[in-house]
PDB file of all heavy atoms in Angstrom:
ATOM      1  N   CYS A   1      -0.641 -17.436   4.693  1.00  0.00           N
ATOM      2  CA  CYS A   1       0.748 -17.005   4.568  1.00  0.00           C
ATOM      3  C   CYS A   1       0.876 -15.818   3.633  1.00  0.00           C
ATOM      4  O   CYS A   1       0.074 -15.623   2.738  1.00  0.00           O
ATOM      5  CB  CYS A   1       1.624 -18.146   4.033  1.00  0.00           C
ATOM      6  SG  CYS A   1       1.698 -19.555   5.158  1.00  0.00           S
ATOM      7  N   ILE A   2       1.905 -15.055   3.830  1.00  0.00           N
ATOM      8  CA  ILE A   2       2.232 -13.977   2.910  1.00  0.00           C
ATOM      9  C   ILE A   2       2.959 -14.572   1.723  1.00  0.00           C
ATOM     10  O   ILE A   2       3.779 -15.472   1.862  1.00  0.00           O
ATOM     11  CB  ILE A   2       3.127 -12.920   3.600  1.00  0.00           C
ATOM     12  CG1 ILE A   2       2.398 -12.333   4.807  1.00  0.00           C
ATOM     13  CG2 ILE A   2       3.516 -11.826   2.626  1.00  0.00           C
ATOM     14  CD1 ILE A   2       1.102 -11.626   4.467  1.00  0.00           C
ATOM     15  N   GLY A   3       2.660 -14.062   0.526  1.00  0.00           N
ATOM     16  CA  GLY A   3       3.304 -14.563  -0.676  1.00  0.00           C
ATOM     17  C   GLY A   3       4.804 -14.411  -0.596  1.00  0.00           C
ATOM     18  O   GLY A   3       5.317 -13.542   0.115  1.00  0.00           O
ATOM     19  N   PRO A   4       5.572 -15.240  -1.315  1.00  0.00           N
ATOM     20  CA  PRO A   4       7.024 -15.242  -1.230  1.00  0.00           C
ATOM     21  C   PRO A   4       7.657 -13.935  -1.664  1.00  0.00           C
ATOM     22  O   PRO A   4       8.802 -13.663  -1.341  1.00  0.00           O
ATOM     23  CB  PRO A   4       7.422 -16.394  -2.172  1.00  0.00           C
ATOM     24  CG  PRO A   4       6.251 -16.564  -3.092  1.00  0.00           C
ATOM     25  CD  PRO A   4       5.066 -16.229  -2.264  1.00  0.00           C
ATOM     26  N   PHE A   5       6.928 -13.078  -2.410  1.00  0.00           N
ATOM     27  CA  PHE A   5       7.485 -11.814  -2.848  1.00  0.00           C
ATOM     28  C   PHE A   5       6.762 -10.641  -2.185  1.00  0.00           C
ATOM     29  O   PHE A   5       6.742  -9.539  -2.703  1.00  0.00           O
ATOM     30  CB  PHE A   5       7.417 -11.686  -4.371  1.00  0.00           C
ATOM     31  CG  PHE A   5       8.330 -12.649  -5.071  1.00  0.00           C
ATOM     32  CD1 PHE A   5       7.897 -13.930  -5.393  1.00  0.00           C
ATOM     33  CD2 PHE A   5       9.632 -12.295  -5.369  1.00  0.00           C
ATOM     34  CE1 PHE A   5       8.742 -14.819  -6.031  1.00  0.00           C
ATOM     35  CE2 PHE A   5      10.481 -13.183  -5.998  1.00  0.00           C
ATOM     36  CZ  PHE A   5      10.038 -14.446  -6.337  1.00  0.00           C
ATOM     37  N   GLY A   6       6.139 -10.899  -1.043  1.00  0.00           N
ATOM     38  CA  GLY A   6       5.517  -9.822  -0.301  1.00  0.00           C
ATOM     39  C   GLY A   6       4.066  -9.587  -0.658  1.00  0.00           C
ATOM     40  O   GLY A   6       3.455  -8.645  -0.181  1.00  0.00           O
ATOM     41  N   GLY A   7       3.485 -10.425  -1.510  1.00  0.00           N
ATOM     42  CA  GLY A   7       2.085 -10.255  -1.887  1.00  0.00           C
ATOM     43  C   GLY A   7       1.164 -10.634  -0.748  1.00  0.00           C
ATOM     44  O   GLY A   7       1.569 -11.264   0.225  1.00  0.00           O
ATOM     45  N   SER A   8      -0.098 -10.235  -0.874  1.00  0.00           N
ATOM     46  CA  SER A   8      -1.064 -10.541   0.185  1.00  0.00           C
ATOM     47  C   SER A   8      -1.647 -11.919  -0.060  1.00  0.00           C
ATOM     48  O   SER A   8      -2.799 -12.067  -0.431  1.00  0.00           O
ATOM     49  CB  SER A   8      -2.170  -9.481   0.207  1.00  0.00           C
ATOM     50  OG  SER A   8      -2.761  -9.337  -1.056  1.00  0.00           O
ATOM     51  N   GLY A   9      -0.825 -12.964   0.109  1.00  0.00           N
ATOM     52  CA  GLY A   9      -1.248 -14.326  -0.164  1.00  0.00           C
ATOM     53  C   GLY A   9      -2.153 -14.866   0.922  1.00  0.00           C
ATOM     54  O   GLY A   9      -2.413 -14.230   1.932  1.00  0.00           O
ATOM     55  N   GLY A  10      -2.649 -16.095   0.695  1.00  0.00           N
ATOM     56  CA  GLY A  10      -3.416 -16.761   1.718  1.00  0.00           C
ATOM     57  C   GLY A  10      -4.906 -16.674   1.570  1.00  0.00           C
ATOM     58  O   GLY A  10      -5.618 -17.344   2.295  1.00  0.00           O
ATOM     59  N   GLY A  11      -5.411 -15.852   0.642  1.00  0.00           N
ATOM     60  CA  GLY A  11      -6.839 -15.753   0.447  1.00  0.00           C
ATOM     61  C   GLY A  11      -7.315 -16.720  -0.612  1.00  0.00           C
ATOM     62  O   GLY A  11      -6.602 -17.613  -1.055  1.00  0.00           O
ATOM     63  N   GLY A  12      -8.553 -16.537  -1.019  1.00  0.00           N
ATOM     64  CA  GLY A  12      -9.112 -17.371  -2.066  1.00  0.00           C
ATOM     65  C   GLY A  12      -8.538 -17.009  -3.419  1.00  0.00           C
ATOM     66  O   GLY A  12      -7.714 -16.101  -3.553  1.00  0.00           O
ATOM     67  N   PRO A  13      -8.977 -17.692  -4.468  1.00  0.00           N
ATOM     68  CA  PRO A  13      -8.448 -17.445  -5.798  1.00  0.00           C
ATOM     69  C   PRO A  13      -8.865 -16.076  -6.339  1.00  0.00           C
ATOM     70  O   PRO A  13      -9.897 -15.529  -5.946  1.00  0.00           O
ATOM     71  CB  PRO A  13      -9.057 -18.572  -6.635  1.00  0.00           C
ATOM     72  CG  PRO A  13     -10.315 -18.937  -5.914  1.00  0.00           C
ATOM     73  CD  PRO A  13      -9.996 -18.767  -4.458  1.00  0.00           C
ATOM     74  N   LEU A  14      -8.046 -15.545  -7.219  1.00  0.00           N
ATOM     75  CA  LEU A  14      -8.390 -14.335  -7.953  1.00  0.00           C
ATOM     76  C   LEU A  14      -8.896 -14.753  -9.325  1.00  0.00           C
ATOM     77  O   LEU A  14      -8.248 -15.545 -10.014  1.00  0.00           O
ATOM     78  CB  LEU A  14      -7.169 -13.417  -8.089  1.00  0.00           C
ATOM     79  CG  LEU A  14      -6.561 -12.895  -6.790  1.00  0.00           C
ATOM     80  CD1 LEU A  14      -5.327 -12.042  -7.085  1.00  0.00           C
ATOM     81  CD2 LEU A  14      -7.579 -12.099  -5.997  1.00  0.00           C
ATOM     82  N   ASN A  15     -10.027 -14.227  -9.713  1.00  0.00           N
ATOM     83  CA  ASN A  15     -10.628 -14.552 -11.005  1.00  0.00           C
ATOM     84  C   ASN A  15     -10.486 -13.349 -11.926  1.00  0.00           C
ATOM     85  O   ASN A  15     -11.034 -12.278 -11.627  1.00  0.00           O
ATOM     86  CB  ASN A  15     -12.105 -14.920 -10.823  1.00  0.00           C
ATOM     87  CG  ASN A  15     -12.277 -16.109  -9.898  1.00  0.00           C
ATOM     88  OD1 ASN A  15     -11.667 -17.155 -10.086  1.00  0.00           O
ATOM     89  ND2 ASN A  15     -13.103 -15.949  -8.869  1.00  0.00           N
ATOM     90  N   ILE A  16      -9.756 -13.525 -13.018  1.00  0.00           N
ATOM     91  CA  ILE A  16      -9.454 -12.377 -13.852  1.00  0.00           C
ATOM     92  C   ILE A  16      -9.688 -12.693 -15.334  1.00  0.00           C
ATOM     93  O   ILE A  16      -9.610 -13.849 -15.757  1.00  0.00           O
ATOM     94  CB  ILE A  16      -7.999 -11.891 -13.640  1.00  0.00           C
ATOM     95  CG1 ILE A  16      -6.983 -12.912 -14.157  1.00  0.00           C
ATOM     96  CG2 ILE A  16      -7.751 -11.623 -12.159  1.00  0.00           C
ATOM     97  CD1 ILE A  16      -5.536 -12.433 -14.073  1.00  0.00           C
ATOM     98  N   ILE A  17     -10.003 -11.645 -16.097  1.00  0.00           N
ATOM     99  CA  ILE A  17     -10.168 -11.760 -17.539  1.00  0.00           C
ATOM    100  C   ILE A  17      -8.919 -11.197 -18.201  1.00  0.00           C
ATOM    101  O   ILE A  17      -8.510 -10.069 -17.909  1.00  0.00           O
ATOM    102  CB  ILE A  17     -11.411 -10.995 -18.026  1.00  0.00           C
ATOM    103  CG1 ILE A  17     -12.673 -11.543 -17.352  1.00  0.00           C
ATOM    104  CG2 ILE A  17     -11.545 -11.099 -19.536  1.00  0.00           C
ATOM    105  CD1 ILE A  17     -13.939 -10.789 -17.713  1.00  0.00           C
ATOM    106  N   VAL A  18      -8.322 -11.982 -19.081  1.00  0.00           N
ATOM    107  CA  VAL A  18      -7.039 -11.612 -19.675  1.00  0.00           C
ATOM    108  C   VAL A  18      -7.041 -11.873 -21.178  1.00  0.00           C
ATOM    109  O   VAL A  18      -7.935 -12.516 -21.717  1.00  0.00           O
ATOM    110  CB  VAL A  18      -5.882 -12.416 -19.040  1.00  0.00           C
ATOM    111  CG1 VAL A  18      -5.726 -12.098 -17.568  1.00  0.00           C
ATOM    112  CG2 VAL A  18      -6.091 -13.920 -19.251  1.00  0.00           C
ATOM    113  N   TRP A  19      -5.996 -11.389 -21.837  1.00  0.00           N
ATOM    114  CA  TRP A  19      -5.678 -11.818 -23.196  1.00  0.00           C
ATOM    115  C   TRP A  19      -4.976 -13.169 -23.091  1.00  0.00           C
ATOM    116  O   TRP A  19      -4.318 -13.477 -22.088  1.00  0.00           O
ATOM    117  CB  TRP A  19      -4.768 -10.794 -23.881  1.00  0.00           C
ATOM    118  CG  TRP A  19      -5.353  -9.414 -23.894  1.00  0.00           C
ATOM    119  CD1 TRP A  19      -5.035  -8.381 -23.055  1.00  0.00           C
ATOM    120  CD2 TRP A  19      -6.385  -8.918 -24.758  1.00  0.00           C
ATOM    121  NE1 TRP A  19      -5.800  -7.280 -23.350  1.00  0.00           N
ATOM    122  CE2 TRP A  19      -6.639  -7.571 -24.389  1.00  0.00           C
ATOM    123  CE3 TRP A  19      -7.112  -9.477 -25.814  1.00  0.00           C
ATOM    124  CZ2 TRP A  19      -7.589  -6.789 -25.034  1.00  0.00           C
ATOM    125  CZ3 TRP A  19      -8.057  -8.692 -26.455  1.00  0.00           C
ATOM    126  CH2 TRP A  19      -8.283  -7.362 -26.072  1.00  0.00           C
ATOM    127  N   ASN A  20      -5.080 -13.984 -24.119  1.00  0.00           N
ATOM    128  CA  ASN A  20      -4.621 -15.376 -24.026  1.00  0.00           C
ATOM    129  C   ASN A  20      -3.169 -15.527 -23.603  1.00  0.00           C
ATOM    130  O   ASN A  20      -2.818 -16.461 -22.883  1.00  0.00           O
ATOM    131  CB  ASN A  20      -4.836 -16.084 -25.369  1.00  0.00           C
ATOM    132  CG  ASN A  20      -6.301 -16.357 -25.652  1.00  0.00           C
ATOM    133  OD1 ASN A  20      -7.076 -16.608 -24.739  1.00  0.00           O
ATOM    134  ND2 ASN A  20      -6.692 -16.299 -26.907  1.00  0.00           N
ATOM    135  N   ASP A  21      -2.303 -14.621 -24.052  1.00  0.00           N
ATOM    136  CA  ASP A  21      -0.877 -14.822 -23.773  1.00  0.00           C
ATOM    137  C   ASP A  21      -0.534 -14.639 -22.295  1.00  0.00           C
ATOM    138  O   ASP A  21       0.540 -15.060 -21.861  1.00  0.00           O
ATOM    139  CB  ASP A  21      -0.017 -13.903 -24.646  1.00  0.00           C
ATOM    140  CG  ASP A  21      -0.540 -12.488 -24.714  1.00  0.00           C
ATOM    141  OD1 ASP A  21      -0.397 -11.760 -23.715  1.00  0.00           O
ATOM    142  OD2 ASP A  21      -1.089 -12.112 -25.762  1.00  0.00           O
ATOM    143  N   TYR A  22      -1.424 -14.038 -21.514  1.00  0.00           N
ATOM    144  CA  TYR A  22      -1.160 -13.923 -20.077  1.00  0.00           C
ATOM    145  C   TYR A  22      -1.102 -15.293 -19.411  1.00  0.00           C
ATOM    146  O   TYR A  22      -0.478 -15.443 -18.354  1.00  0.00           O
ATOM    147  CB  TYR A  22      -2.230 -13.060 -19.405  1.00  0.00           C
ATOM    148  CG  TYR A  22      -1.918 -11.581 -19.468  1.00  0.00           C
ATOM    149  CD1 TYR A  22      -2.197 -10.849 -20.618  1.00  0.00           C
ATOM    150  CD2 TYR A  22      -1.345 -10.914 -18.393  1.00  0.00           C
ATOM    151  CE1 TYR A  22      -1.910  -9.500 -20.703  1.00  0.00           C
ATOM    152  CE2 TYR A  22      -1.052  -9.569 -18.461  1.00  0.00           C
ATOM    153  CZ  TYR A  22      -1.338  -8.857 -19.612  1.00  0.00           C
ATOM    154  OH  TYR A  22      -1.037  -7.513 -19.686  1.00  0.00           O
ATOM    155  N   THR A  23      -1.753 -16.285 -20.001  1.00  0.00           N
ATOM    156  CA  THR A  23      -1.731 -17.614 -19.402  1.00  0.00           C
ATOM    157  C   THR A  23      -0.317 -18.191 -19.390  1.00  0.00           C
ATOM    158  O   THR A  23      -0.026 -19.101 -18.623  1.00  0.00           O
ATOM    159  CB  THR A  23      -2.670 -18.571 -20.159  1.00  0.00           C
ATOM    160  OG1 THR A  23      -2.232 -18.726 -21.517  1.00  0.00           O
ATOM    161  CG2 THR A  23      -4.099 -18.043 -20.148  1.00  0.00           C
ATOM    162  N   GLU A  24       0.572 -17.658 -20.232  1.00  0.00           N
ATOM    163  CA  GLU A  24       1.944 -18.159 -20.282  1.00  0.00           C
ATOM    164  C   GLU A  24       2.763 -17.743 -19.066  1.00  0.00           C
ATOM    165  O   GLU A  24       3.838 -18.299 -18.833  1.00  0.00           O
ATOM    166  CB  GLU A  24       2.625 -17.704 -21.578  1.00  0.00           C
ATOM    167  CG  GLU A  24       1.948 -18.251 -22.833  1.00  0.00           C
ATOM    168  CD  GLU A  24       2.700 -17.911 -24.105  1.00  0.00           C
ATOM    169  OE1 GLU A  24       3.948 -17.756 -24.052  1.00  0.00           O
ATOM    170  OE2 GLU A  24       2.055 -17.791 -25.159  1.00  0.00           O
ATOM    171  N   VAL A  25       2.290 -16.744 -18.322  1.00  0.00           N
ATOM    172  CA  VAL A  25       3.004 -16.324 -17.110  1.00  0.00           C
ATOM    173  C   VAL A  25       2.141 -16.542 -15.864  1.00  0.00           C
ATOM    174  O   VAL A  25       2.379 -15.950 -14.820  1.00  0.00           O
ATOM    175  CB  VAL A  25       3.445 -14.843 -17.206  1.00  0.00           C
ATOM    176  CG1 VAL A  25       4.418 -14.644 -18.353  1.00  0.00           C
ATOM    177  CG2 VAL A  25       2.249 -13.918 -17.346  1.00  0.00           C
ATOM    178  N   GLN A  26       1.174 -17.406 -15.976  1.00  0.00           N
ATOM    179  CA  GLN A  26       0.250 -17.647 -14.864  1.00  0.00           C
ATOM    180  C   GLN A  26       0.987 -18.157 -13.624  1.00  0.00           C
ATOM    181  O   GLN A  26       0.760 -17.675 -12.508  1.00  0.00           O
ATOM    182  CB  GLN A  26      -0.823 -18.644 -15.289  1.00  0.00           C
ATOM    183  CG  GLN A  26      -1.895 -18.882 -14.236  1.00  0.00           C
ATOM    184  CD  GLN A  26      -3.087 -19.637 -14.812  1.00  0.00           C
ATOM    185  OE1 GLN A  26      -3.134 -19.926 -15.988  1.00  0.00           O
ATOM    186  NE2 GLN A  26      -4.049 -19.964 -13.967  1.00  0.00           N
ATOM    187  N   ASP A  27       1.865 -19.117 -13.794  1.00  0.00           N
ATOM    188  CA  ASP A  27       2.586 -19.678 -12.656  1.00  0.00           C
ATOM    189  C   ASP A  27       3.417 -18.605 -11.950  1.00  0.00           C
ATOM    190  O   ASP A  27       3.457 -18.543 -10.715  1.00  0.00           O
ATOM    191  CB  ASP A  27       3.505 -20.817 -13.106  1.00  0.00           C
ATOM    192  CG  ASP A  27       2.728 -22.040 -13.565  1.00  0.00           C
ATOM    193  OD1 ASP A  27       1.552 -22.178 -13.183  1.00  0.00           O
ATOM    194  OD2 ASP A  27       3.302 -22.851 -14.321  1.00  0.00           O
ATOM    195  N   GLN A  28       4.097 -17.764 -12.728  1.00  0.00           N
ATOM    196  CA  GLN A  28       4.942 -16.723 -12.155  1.00  0.00           C
ATOM    197  C   GLN A  28       4.109 -15.707 -11.375  1.00  0.00           C
ATOM    198  O   GLN A  28       4.512 -15.248 -10.300  1.00  0.00           O
ATOM    199  CB  GLN A  28       5.735 -16.014 -13.256  1.00  0.00           C
ATOM    200  CG  GLN A  28       6.740 -16.914 -13.972  1.00  0.00           C
ATOM    201  CD  GLN A  28       6.148 -17.601 -15.191  1.00  0.00           C
ATOM    202  OE1 GLN A  28       4.991 -18.035 -15.179  1.00  0.00           O
ATOM    203  NE2 GLN A  28       6.942 -17.715 -16.241  1.00  0.00           N
ATOM    204  N   LEU A  29       2.948 -15.353 -11.916  1.00  0.00           N
ATOM    205  CA  LEU A  29       2.080 -14.396 -11.230  1.00  0.00           C
ATOM    206  C   LEU A  29       1.533 -14.988  -9.938  1.00  0.00           C
ATOM    207  O   LEU A  29       1.458 -14.311  -8.910  1.00  0.00           O
ATOM    208  CB  LEU A  29       0.933 -13.978 -12.147  1.00  0.00           C
ATOM    209  CG  LEU A  29       1.322 -13.104 -13.348  1.00  0.00           C
ATOM    210  CD1 LEU A  29       0.137 -12.923 -14.285  1.00  0.00           C
ATOM    211  CD2 LEU A  29       1.845 -11.743 -12.892  1.00  0.00           C
TER     212      LEU A  29
END
């Protein structure tokens, strides 16, 4: 499926390196 905001959803997970505070917006992303 396409993501609810037009993103290219439906693939496997994205693995990313972040600063710790990014985890606070993980659900939104």
